[in-house]
């Protein structure tokens, strides 16, 4: 088929020139005139379709691209044009099919492979998307976009090493793109490389200091590296650029908390939650700031909101249980610990703290049961073993209590609280010699023990009848 007939040729030539000169309105006018003369000209239809895309007329553009396909189904660009409009309006299956037809005709078009990969990823075909990005990379090795997009897919799959490899290639290809440095910094941080993340994010903000996101990510990385002062500075910069970023307010609040600026942290958490009700952890963090200030009712409220936000997160219930216990609401505390244990039966804090509440309520059997479960979850915990010894002693199980004290002291013969407890118990049980050995050993290893004077008295004073 001949492209042009008579004056149509000049109109198409001039129309495409207008399109190249960023004059889509003029291009559409001239190409429409050409199509009056030759309505089945695939190139004119394709050119007008592109002009209509630029003019914000995607439906009309898709009609033109479809006309180009009908006029010459062996020309790939009609397929590519229609695929692009279908992709933009969410017809993923149609876009994938059209890109496939065009790529059969011209498999060297990297942009088409890239766009079909995007459609496949949105469709949920991640493997197919990865394959298409690989074809795009092979077709155009100096192009960072498919490397970046493939890295995003790999990271979502948990392949951090693969994502890092692709982003390193992308940075090498286009080292002036701040977003690529930021993306690699995010992957490095996810992989636990805080120092590498900081280096990449600092490069990103050096290239483009006007975006809040990389500054915020830099703050996160500094927190991961244990540098709250630097983190607070980065978050402050992010908030100067975008004061509505709840994650930056939250991050700076965390940094300020670590710097013992609890009032500043609380103000930042308030600002974060004003902008975004947040996740359970946001309320949890603010609850601990209230707790640090001794504001138990406010802390209990925030931990409760955390529990409402995520009823499957045990730590919100543990934290509220701790506050309720501190407020002498032992029954409420036990209920919270029970809820935490329904979610995670191995939660050591819930088991051990519930046991303390049971003991305070006089339920020593329940306390011992909870502590036994806690020891099963953490068999090396000296604190839990000592707490169980106390519970066993309180309910009259002297043999069980001595078994726990003996086990602790076998692991750590100079453990002061174990020596103090076993010595006192031996004296009460009538084993004066054993008591004296334990208490004298206590005075040797901990002469400044708070109970030193009472211990000396116990060692030197005979036990009464």
Protein backbone atom coordinates (compact mmCIF):
# COMPACT_ATOMS: atom_id res chain seq x y z
CA UNK A 1 0.00 0.00 0.00
CA UNK A 2 1.27 3.44 -0.90
CA UNK A 3 1.35 5.79 2.03
CA UNK A 4 0.19 8.97 0.45
CA UNK A 5 -1.89 10.10 -2.48
CA UNK A 6 -1.63 13.61 -3.90
CA UNK A 7 -1.79 16.36 -1.25
CA UNK A 8 -2.20 13.87 1.60
CA UNK A 9 1.53 13.25 1.58
CA UNK A 10 2.40 16.86 2.35
CA UNK A 11 -0.33 17.12 4.99
CA UNK A 12 0.93 14.02 6.80
CA UNK A 13 4.54 15.19 6.58
CA UNK A 14 3.63 18.60 7.99
CA UNK A 15 1.35 17.09 10.61
CA UNK A 16 4.06 14.78 11.93
CA UNK A 17 6.48 17.71 11.94
CA UNK A 18 4.03 19.68 14.09
CA UNK A 19 3.76 16.71 16.42
CA UNK A 20 7.56 16.55 16.72
CA UNK A 21 7.58 20.30 17.44
CA UNK A 22 5.19 19.77 20.38
CA UNK A 23 2.19 21.29 18.60
CA UNK A 24 -0.39 18.49 18.97
CA UNK A 25 -3.32 20.76 18.10
CA UNK A 26 -1.77 21.78 14.78
CA UNK A 27 -0.72 18.18 14.14
CA UNK A 28 -4.26 16.88 14.72
CA UNK A 29 -5.72 19.50 12.36
CA UNK A 30 -3.33 18.71 9.49
CA UNK A 31 -3.59 14.94 9.94
CA UNK A 32 -7.38 15.16 9.98
CA UNK A 33 -7.20 16.98 6.65
CA UNK A 34 -4.91 14.23 5.33
CA UNK A 35 -7.37 11.56 6.47
CA UNK A 36 -10.19 13.26 4.60
CA UNK A 37 -8.15 12.60 1.48
CA UNK A 38 -6.98 9.11 2.49
CA UNK A 39 -9.02 7.68 5.43
CA UNK A 40 -7.12 4.37 5.60
CA UNK A 41 -3.63 5.84 5.98
CA UNK A 42 -2.13 3.97 8.96
CA UNK A 43 0.62 6.52 9.56
CA UNK A 44 -1.77 9.45 9.55
CA UNK A 45 -4.13 7.62 11.92
CA UNK A 46 -1.26 6.75 14.24
CA UNK A 47 0.07 10.33 14.19
CA UNK A 48 -3.34 11.78 14.96
CA UNK A 49 -3.75 9.24 17.74
CA UNK A 50 -0.53 10.46 19.33
CA UNK A 51 -1.67 14.07 18.97
CA UNK A 52 -4.98 13.24 20.62
CA UNK A 53 -3.17 11.57 23.50
CA UNK A 54 -1.22 14.80 24.01
CA UNK A 55 -4.50 16.76 23.87
CA UNK A 56 -6.05 14.60 26.59
CA UNK A 57 -8.44 12.74 24.28
CA UNK A 58 -7.57 9.08 25.02
CA UNK A 59 -10.84 7.62 23.71
CA UNK A 60 -10.44 9.30 20.33
CA UNK A 61 -6.76 8.35 20.30
CA UNK A 62 -7.65 4.69 20.83
CA UNK A 63 -10.06 4.87 17.90
CA UNK A 64 -7.28 6.25 15.70
CA UNK A 65 -4.79 3.58 16.80
CA UNK A 66 -7.44 0.93 16.15
CA UNK A 67 -7.93 2.43 12.69
CA UNK A 68 -4.18 2.19 12.10
CA UNK A 69 -4.27 -1.50 13.07
CA UNK A 70 -7.16 -2.14 10.68
CA UNK A 71 -5.47 -0.19 7.89
CA UNK A 72 -2.18 -2.06 8.18
CA UNK A 73 -2.07 -4.96 10.66
CA UNK A 74 1.53 -5.72 9.64
CA UNK A 75 2.77 -2.37 10.97
CA UNK A 76 3.64 -2.71 14.70
CA UNK A 77 3.11 0.91 15.76
CA UNK A 78 -0.64 0.80 15.42
CA UNK A 79 -0.65 -2.13 17.85
CA UNK A 80 1.72 -0.34 20.22
CA UNK A 81 -0.36 2.84 20.15
CA UNK A 82 -3.62 1.07 20.93
CA UNK A 83 -1.92 -1.04 23.60
CA UNK A 84 -0.72 2.14 25.32
CA UNK A 85 -4.21 3.67 25.47
CA UNK A 86 -5.71 0.40 26.67
CA UNK A 87 -3.11 0.19 29.41
CA UNK A 88 -3.87 3.72 30.54
CA UNK A 89 -7.59 3.06 30.85
CA UNK A 90 -7.06 -0.20 32.72
CA UNK A 91 -7.81 -2.73 29.97
CA UNK A 92 -4.86 -4.89 30.94
CA UNK A 93 -5.83 -7.94 28.91
CA UNK A 94 -6.36 -5.82 25.81
CA UNK A 95 -3.05 -4.02 26.32
CA UNK A 96 -1.14 -7.26 26.83
CA UNK A 97 -2.66 -8.74 23.69
CA UNK A 98 -1.87 -5.67 21.57
CA UNK A 99 1.70 -5.43 22.82
CA UNK A 100 2.10 -9.10 22.04
CA UNK A 101 0.96 -8.61 18.45
CA UNK A 102 3.24 -5.60 17.98
CA UNK A 103 6.24 -7.37 19.49
CA UNK A 104 5.82 -10.32 17.14
CA UNK A 105 6.27 -7.79 14.33
CA UNK A 106 9.10 -5.80 15.94
CA UNK A 107 10.73 -7.51 18.94
CA UNK A 108 13.47 -4.85 19.22
CA UNK A 109 11.19 -2.23 20.83
CA UNK A 110 12.36 -1.98 24.47
CA UNK A 111 9.55 0.42 25.44
CA UNK A 112 6.93 -2.09 24.30
CA UNK A 113 8.50 -4.87 26.38
CA UNK A 114 8.64 -2.47 29.33
CA UNK A 115 4.99 -1.42 28.96
CA UNK A 116 3.79 -4.99 28.60
CA UNK A 117 5.75 -5.83 31.74
CA UNK A 118 3.89 -3.05 33.57
CA UNK A 119 0.57 -4.44 32.37
CA UNK A 120 1.50 -7.97 33.39
CA UNK A 121 2.62 -6.81 36.83
CA UNK A 122 -0.70 -5.01 37.34
CA UNK A 123 -2.45 -8.17 36.20
CA UNK A 124 -0.59 -10.16 38.85
CA UNK A 125 1.64 -12.04 36.40
CA UNK A 126 4.92 -11.21 38.14
CA UNK A 127 6.91 -13.95 36.40
CA UNK A 128 5.75 -12.72 33.01
CA UNK A 129 6.56 -9.14 33.99
CA UNK A 130 10.08 -10.12 35.03
CA UNK A 131 10.59 -11.89 31.72
CA UNK A 132 9.43 -8.82 29.77
CA UNK A 133 11.67 -6.49 31.77
CA UNK A 134 14.58 -8.79 30.95
CA UNK A 135 13.74 -8.45 27.25
CA UNK A 136 13.56 -4.66 27.65
CA UNK A 137 16.98 -4.61 29.31
CA UNK A 138 18.43 -6.74 26.51
CA UNK A 139 16.87 -4.52 23.83
CA UNK A 140 18.11 -1.28 25.38
CA UNK A 141 20.99 -1.89 27.82
CA UNK A 142 21.52 1.79 28.60
CA UNK A 143 17.98 2.33 29.90
CA UNK A 144 17.45 2.36 33.68
CA UNK A 145 13.63 2.19 33.74
CA UNK A 146 13.23 -1.60 33.27
CA UNK A 147 16.03 -2.25 35.75
CA UNK A 148 14.28 -0.05 38.32
CA UNK A 149 10.88 -1.62 37.68
CA UNK A 150 12.32 -5.13 37.82
CA UNK A 151 14.01 -4.30 41.12
CA UNK A 152 10.65 -3.22 42.55
CA UNK A 153 9.11 -6.57 41.59
CA UNK A 154 12.06 -8.52 42.97
CA UNK A 155 11.90 -6.65 46.26
CA UNK A 156 8.19 -7.36 46.56
CA UNK A 157 9.04 -11.04 46.14
CA UNK A 158 11.64 -10.83 48.90
CA UNK A 159 14.58 -11.08 46.51
CA UNK A 160 16.57 -8.23 48.03
CA UNK A 161 19.85 -9.40 46.49
CA UNK A 162 18.32 -9.39 43.01
CA UNK A 163 16.74 -5.98 43.58
CA UNK A 164 20.05 -4.58 44.79
CA UNK A 165 21.84 -5.98 41.74
CA UNK A 166 19.35 -4.35 39.36
CA UNK A 167 19.45 -1.00 41.12
CA UNK A 168 23.24 -1.01 41.12
CA UNK A 169 23.11 -1.50 37.34
CA UNK A 170 20.50 1.26 37.06
CA UNK A 171 22.61 3.70 39.08
CA UNK A 172 25.57 2.88 36.86
CA UNK A 173 23.53 3.63 33.76
CA UNK A 174 21.92 6.86 35.02
CA UNK A 175 23.95 8.10 38.00
CA UNK A 176 22.26 11.50 37.96
CA UNK A 177 18.82 10.14 38.91
CA UNK A 178 18.13 10.84 42.56
CA UNK A 179 15.21 8.39 42.63
CA UNK A 180 17.47 5.46 41.75
CA UNK A 181 19.83 6.22 44.63
CA UNK A 182 16.84 6.53 46.94
CA UNK A 183 15.44 3.21 45.72
CA UNK A 184 18.74 1.42 46.27
CA UNK A 185 19.02 3.01 49.71
CA UNK A 186 15.58 1.63 50.59
CA UNK A 187 16.59 -1.87 49.50
CA UNK A 188 19.84 -1.69 51.43
CA UNK A 189 17.97 -0.60 54.54
CA UNK A 190 15.52 -3.49 54.10
CA UNK A 191 18.52 -5.82 53.86
CA UNK A 192 19.90 -4.48 57.14
CA UNK A 193 22.70 -2.44 55.59
CA UNK A 194 21.99 0.87 57.34
CA UNK A 195 25.41 2.32 56.52
CA UNK A 196 24.99 1.56 52.81
CA UNK A 197 21.45 2.93 52.89
CA UNK A 198 22.68 6.18 54.44
CA UNK A 199 25.35 6.59 51.75
CA UNK A 200 22.78 6.08 48.96
CA UNK A 201 20.16 8.33 50.51
CA UNK A 202 22.67 11.09 51.14
CA UNK A 203 23.57 10.90 47.44
CA UNK A 204 19.88 11.11 46.57
CA UNK A 205 19.26 14.25 48.63
CA UNK A 206 22.48 15.77 47.28
CA UNK A 207 21.19 15.31 43.72
CA UNK A 208 17.69 16.52 44.55
CA UNK A 209 17.24 18.10 48.00
CA UNK A 210 13.66 19.20 47.24
CA UNK A 211 11.81 15.93 47.86
CA UNK A 212 10.67 14.98 51.34
CA UNK A 213 10.61 11.22 50.76
CA UNK A 214 14.37 10.60 50.57
CA UNK A 215 14.96 12.85 53.60
CA UNK A 216 12.43 10.82 55.54
CA UNK A 217 14.04 7.57 54.39
CA UNK A 218 17.41 8.95 55.44
CA UNK A 219 15.97 9.57 58.89
CA UNK A 220 14.79 5.95 59.05
CA UNK A 221 18.26 4.75 58.06
CA UNK A 222 19.97 6.88 60.69
CA UNK A 223 17.60 5.44 63.31
CA UNK A 224 18.55 1.96 62.14
CA UNK A 225 22.20 2.89 62.58
CA UNK A 226 21.54 4.15 66.12
CA UNK A 227 22.08 7.83 65.30
CA UNK A 228 18.95 9.65 66.54
CA UNK A 229 20.54 13.12 66.31
CA UNK A 230 21.21 12.73 62.58
CA UNK A 231 17.79 11.11 62.18
CA UNK A 232 16.04 14.06 63.81
CA UNK A 233 17.85 16.46 61.48
CA UNK A 234 16.78 14.49 58.39
CA UNK A 235 13.17 14.26 59.57
CA UNK A 236 13.12 17.99 60.26
CA UNK A 237 14.24 18.66 56.68
CA UNK A 238 11.51 16.34 55.40
CA UNK A 239 8.91 18.21 57.45
CA UNK A 240 10.12 21.56 56.13
CA UNK A 241 9.42 20.28 52.63
CA UNK A 242 6.16 18.48 53.45
CA UNK A 243 4.66 19.21 56.88
CA UNK A 244 1.83 16.76 56.20
CA UNK A 245 4.07 13.67 56.19
CA UNK A 246 2.83 11.67 59.16
CA UNK A 247 5.73 9.22 58.86
CA UNK A 248 8.25 12.06 59.26
CA UNK A 249 6.49 13.35 62.38
CA UNK A 250 6.42 9.83 63.76
CA UNK A 251 10.09 9.23 62.88
CA UNK A 252 11.22 12.45 64.50
CA UNK A 253 9.16 11.61 67.55
CA UNK A 254 10.99 8.30 67.80
CA UNK A 255 14.37 10.02 67.45
CA UNK A 256 13.46 12.59 70.11
CA UNK A 257 12.35 9.85 72.45
CA UNK A 258 15.73 8.17 72.09
CA UNK A 259 17.35 11.54 72.85
CA UNK A 260 15.25 11.77 76.05
CA UNK A 261 13.30 14.73 74.66
CA UNK A 262 10.02 13.15 75.71
CA UNK A 263 7.94 16.32 75.50
CA UNK A 264 9.18 16.93 71.96
CA UNK A 265 8.53 13.29 71.09
CA UNK A 266 5.01 13.49 72.44
CA UNK A 267 4.32 16.65 70.41
CA UNK A 268 5.60 14.93 67.27
CA UNK A 269 3.49 11.83 67.87
CA UNK A 270 0.47 14.09 68.39
CA UNK A 271 1.20 15.79 65.05
CA UNK A 272 1.59 12.42 63.31
CA UNK A 273 -1.70 11.08 64.65
CA UNK A 274 -3.50 14.34 63.82
CA UNK A 275 -2.55 13.79 60.17
CA UNK A 276 -3.04 10.06 60.03
CA UNK A 277 -4.74 7.82 62.61
CA UNK A 278 -1.81 5.58 61.92
CA UNK A 279 -1.02 1.98 62.58
CA UNK A 280 -1.26 0.24 65.91
CA UNK A 281 2.42 0.92 66.47
CA UNK A 282 1.92 4.70 66.21
CA UNK A 283 -0.53 4.64 69.11
CA UNK A 284 1.73 2.19 70.95
CA UNK A 285 4.71 4.55 70.61
CA UNK A 286 2.76 7.52 71.91
CA UNK A 287 1.47 5.38 74.76
CA UNK A 288 5.03 4.74 75.88
CA UNK A 289 5.77 8.45 75.80
CA UNK A 290 2.81 9.03 78.11
CA UNK A 291 4.11 6.19 80.26
CA UNK A 292 7.56 7.81 80.43
CA UNK A 293 5.89 10.96 81.75
CA UNK A 294 3.94 8.99 84.36
CA UNK A 295 0.62 9.64 82.60
CA UNK A 296 -0.86 6.22 83.14
CA UNK A 297 -4.49 6.94 82.10
CA UNK A 298 -3.33 8.48 78.79
CA UNK A 299 -0.94 5.58 78.23
CA UNK A 300 -3.70 3.07 78.86
CA UNK A 301 -5.95 4.89 76.37
CA UNK A 302 -3.30 4.88 73.64
CA UNK A 303 -2.42 1.23 74.16
CA UNK A 304 -6.14 0.49 73.95
CA UNK A 305 -6.34 2.34 70.63
CA UNK A 306 -3.38 0.29 69.41
CA UNK A 307 -5.27 -2.87 70.35
CA UNK A 308 -8.35 -1.60 68.49
CA UNK A 309 -6.23 -0.81 65.41
CA UNK A 310 -4.70 -4.28 65.32
CA UNK A 311 -6.52 -6.83 67.49
CA UNK A 312 -4.08 -9.50 66.30
CA UNK A 313 -0.98 -7.71 67.68
CA UNK A 314 -0.17 -9.10 71.15
CA UNK A 315 2.12 -6.28 72.25
CA UNK A 316 -0.69 -3.74 72.44
CA UNK A 317 -2.43 -5.98 74.98
CA UNK A 318 0.80 -6.65 76.90
CA UNK A 319 1.48 -2.91 77.16
CA UNK A 320 -2.04 -2.11 78.33
CA UNK A 321 -1.83 -4.97 80.77
CA UNK A 322 1.38 -3.52 82.19
CA UNK A 323 -0.28 -0.13 82.69
CA UNK A 324 -3.34 -1.69 84.28
CA UNK A 325 -1.12 -3.65 86.63
CA UNK A 326 0.71 -0.42 87.56
CA UNK A 327 -2.70 1.13 88.30
CA UNK A 328 -3.59 -1.88 90.54
CA UNK A 329 -6.22 -3.11 88.09
CA UNK A 330 -4.86 -6.63 88.35
CA UNK A 331 -7.99 -8.31 87.01
CA UNK A 332 -7.93 -6.05 83.92
CA UNK A 333 -4.23 -6.71 83.50
CA UNK A 334 -4.75 -10.47 83.60
CA UNK A 335 -7.49 -10.14 80.97
CA UNK A 336 -5.09 -8.26 78.67
CA UNK A 337 -2.32 -10.79 79.19
CA UNK A 338 -4.80 -13.59 78.47
CA UNK A 339 -5.76 -11.88 75.19
CA UNK A 340 -2.10 -11.54 74.24
CA UNK A 341 -1.58 -15.24 74.93
CA UNK A 342 -4.57 -16.19 72.78
CA UNK A 343 -2.74 -14.46 69.92
CA UNK A 344 0.75 -15.73 70.80
CA UNK A 345 0.83 -18.56 73.36
CA UNK A 346 4.63 -18.23 73.61
CA UNK A 347 4.69 -14.52 74.52
CA UNK A 348 7.12 -14.58 77.44
CA UNK A 349 6.27 -11.11 78.74
CA UNK A 350 2.56 -11.90 78.85
CA UNK A 351 3.21 -15.20 80.63
CA UNK A 352 5.59 -13.80 83.22
CA UNK A 353 3.66 -10.58 83.87
CA UNK A 354 0.39 -12.47 84.17
CA UNK A 355 2.07 -14.69 86.73
CA UNK A 356 3.09 -11.64 88.77
CA UNK A 357 -0.54 -10.48 88.77
CA UNK A 358 -1.79 -13.93 89.77
CA UNK A 359 0.71 -13.98 92.62
CA UNK A 360 -0.41 -10.53 93.77
CA UNK A 361 -4.00 -11.81 93.73
CA UNK A 362 -2.93 -14.81 95.80
CA UNK A 363 -3.38 -17.27 92.93
CA UNK A 364 -0.01 -18.96 93.29
CA UNK A 365 -1.02 -22.10 91.39
CA UNK A 366 -2.03 -19.99 88.37
CA UNK A 367 1.17 -17.97 88.75
CA UNK A 368 3.30 -21.11 88.74
CA UNK A 369 1.47 -22.48 85.70
CA UNK A 370 2.07 -19.27 83.73
CA UNK A 371 5.73 -19.17 84.71
CA UNK A 372 6.21 -22.81 83.75
CA UNK A 373 4.86 -22.01 80.28
CA UNK A 374 7.15 -19.00 80.12
CA UNK A 375 10.15 -21.16 80.99
CA UNK A 376 9.21 -23.60 78.26
CA UNK A 377 9.32 -20.68 75.83
CA UNK A 378 12.53 -19.24 77.32
CA UNK A 379 14.32 -22.05 79.14
CA UNK A 380 17.38 -19.93 79.89
CA UNK A 381 15.55 -17.09 81.63
CA UNK A 382 16.91 -16.64 85.14
CA UNK A 383 14.28 -14.02 86.02
CA UNK A 384 11.41 -16.35 85.16
CA UNK A 385 12.99 -19.22 87.07
CA UNK A 386 13.38 -17.01 90.16
CA UNK A 387 9.79 -15.83 89.86
CA UNK A 388 8.59 -19.43 89.68
CA UNK A 389 10.67 -20.29 92.71
CA UNK A 390 8.91 -17.49 94.63
CA UNK A 391 5.49 -18.74 93.48
CA UNK A 392 6.31 -22.32 94.45
CA UNK A 393 7.61 -21.25 97.85
CA UNK A 394 4.51 -19.13 98.44
CA UNK A 395 2.18 -22.05 97.75
CA UNK A 396 4.21 -24.39 99.98
CA UNK A 397 6.16 -26.31 97.33
CA UNK A 398 9.56 -25.97 99.00
CA UNK A 399 11.13 -28.76 96.95
CA UNK A 400 10.07 -27.13 93.68
CA UNK A 401 11.32 -23.73 94.84
CA UNK A 402 14.72 -25.10 95.85
CA UNK A 403 14.91 -26.91 92.51
CA UNK A 404 14.55 -23.56 90.69
CA UNK A 405 17.01 -21.71 92.96
CA UNK A 406 19.55 -24.53 92.62
CA UNK A 407 19.22 -24.48 88.82
CA UNK A 408 19.78 -20.71 88.71
CA UNK A 409 22.82 -20.86 90.97
CA UNK A 410 24.27 -23.75 89.04
CA UNK A 411 24.31 -21.49 85.98
CA UNK A 412 25.38 -18.38 87.89
CA UNK A 413 26.84 -19.18 91.35
CA UNK A 414 27.16 -15.47 92.21
CA UNK A 415 23.62 -14.39 91.40
CA UNK A 416 22.77 -12.11 94.39
CA UNK A 417 18.97 -12.32 94.28
CA UNK A 418 19.10 -16.11 94.02
CA UNK A 419 21.54 -16.34 96.95
CA UNK A 420 19.37 -14.01 99.01
CA UNK A 421 16.16 -15.92 98.28
CA UNK A 422 17.59 -19.41 98.80
CA UNK A 423 19.45 -18.34 101.93
CA UNK A 424 16.31 -16.89 103.46
CA UNK A 425 14.31 -19.97 102.52
CA UNK A 426 16.94 -22.32 103.98
CA UNK A 427 16.93 -20.40 107.24
CA UNK A 428 13.16 -20.56 107.39
CA UNK A 429 13.27 -24.30 106.63
CA UNK A 430 15.71 -24.85 109.50
CA UNK A 431 18.83 -25.37 107.40
CA UNK A 432 20.97 -22.85 109.31
CA UNK A 433 24.26 -24.06 107.89
CA UNK A 434 23.00 -23.84 104.30
CA UNK A 435 21.47 -20.43 104.99
CA UNK A 436 24.72 -19.12 106.41
CA UNK A 437 26.67 -20.37 103.39
CA UNK A 438 24.30 -18.65 100.96
CA UNK A 439 24.11 -15.39 102.88
CA UNK A 440 27.84 -15.18 103.52
CA UNK A 441 28.43 -15.81 99.81
CA UNK A 442 25.96 -13.02 99.08
CA UNK A 443 27.97 -10.62 101.26
CA UNK A 444 31.13 -11.62 99.41
CA UNK A 445 29.74 -11.02 95.92
CA UNK A 446 27.45 -8.08 96.72
CA UNK A 447 28.60 -6.22 99.84
CA UNK A 448 26.46 -3.23 98.80
CA UNK A 449 23.31 -5.29 98.36
CA UNK A 450 20.26 -3.31 99.59
CA UNK A 451 19.53 -6.02 102.15
CA UNK A 452 23.14 -6.28 103.35
CA UNK A 453 22.46 -5.17 106.92
CA UNK A 454 19.51 -7.54 107.28
CA UNK A 455 21.60 -10.34 105.81
CA UNK A 456 24.43 -9.71 108.26
CA UNK A 457 21.94 -9.79 111.09
CA UNK A 458 20.46 -13.03 109.79
CA UNK A 459 23.88 -14.64 109.53
CA UNK A 460 25.00 -13.64 113.00
CA UNK A 461 21.68 -13.99 114.86
CA UNK A 462 20.59 -17.49 115.82
CA UNK A 463 17.21 -18.53 114.52
CA UNK A 464 14.56 -18.45 117.20
CA UNK A 465 12.40 -21.36 118.17
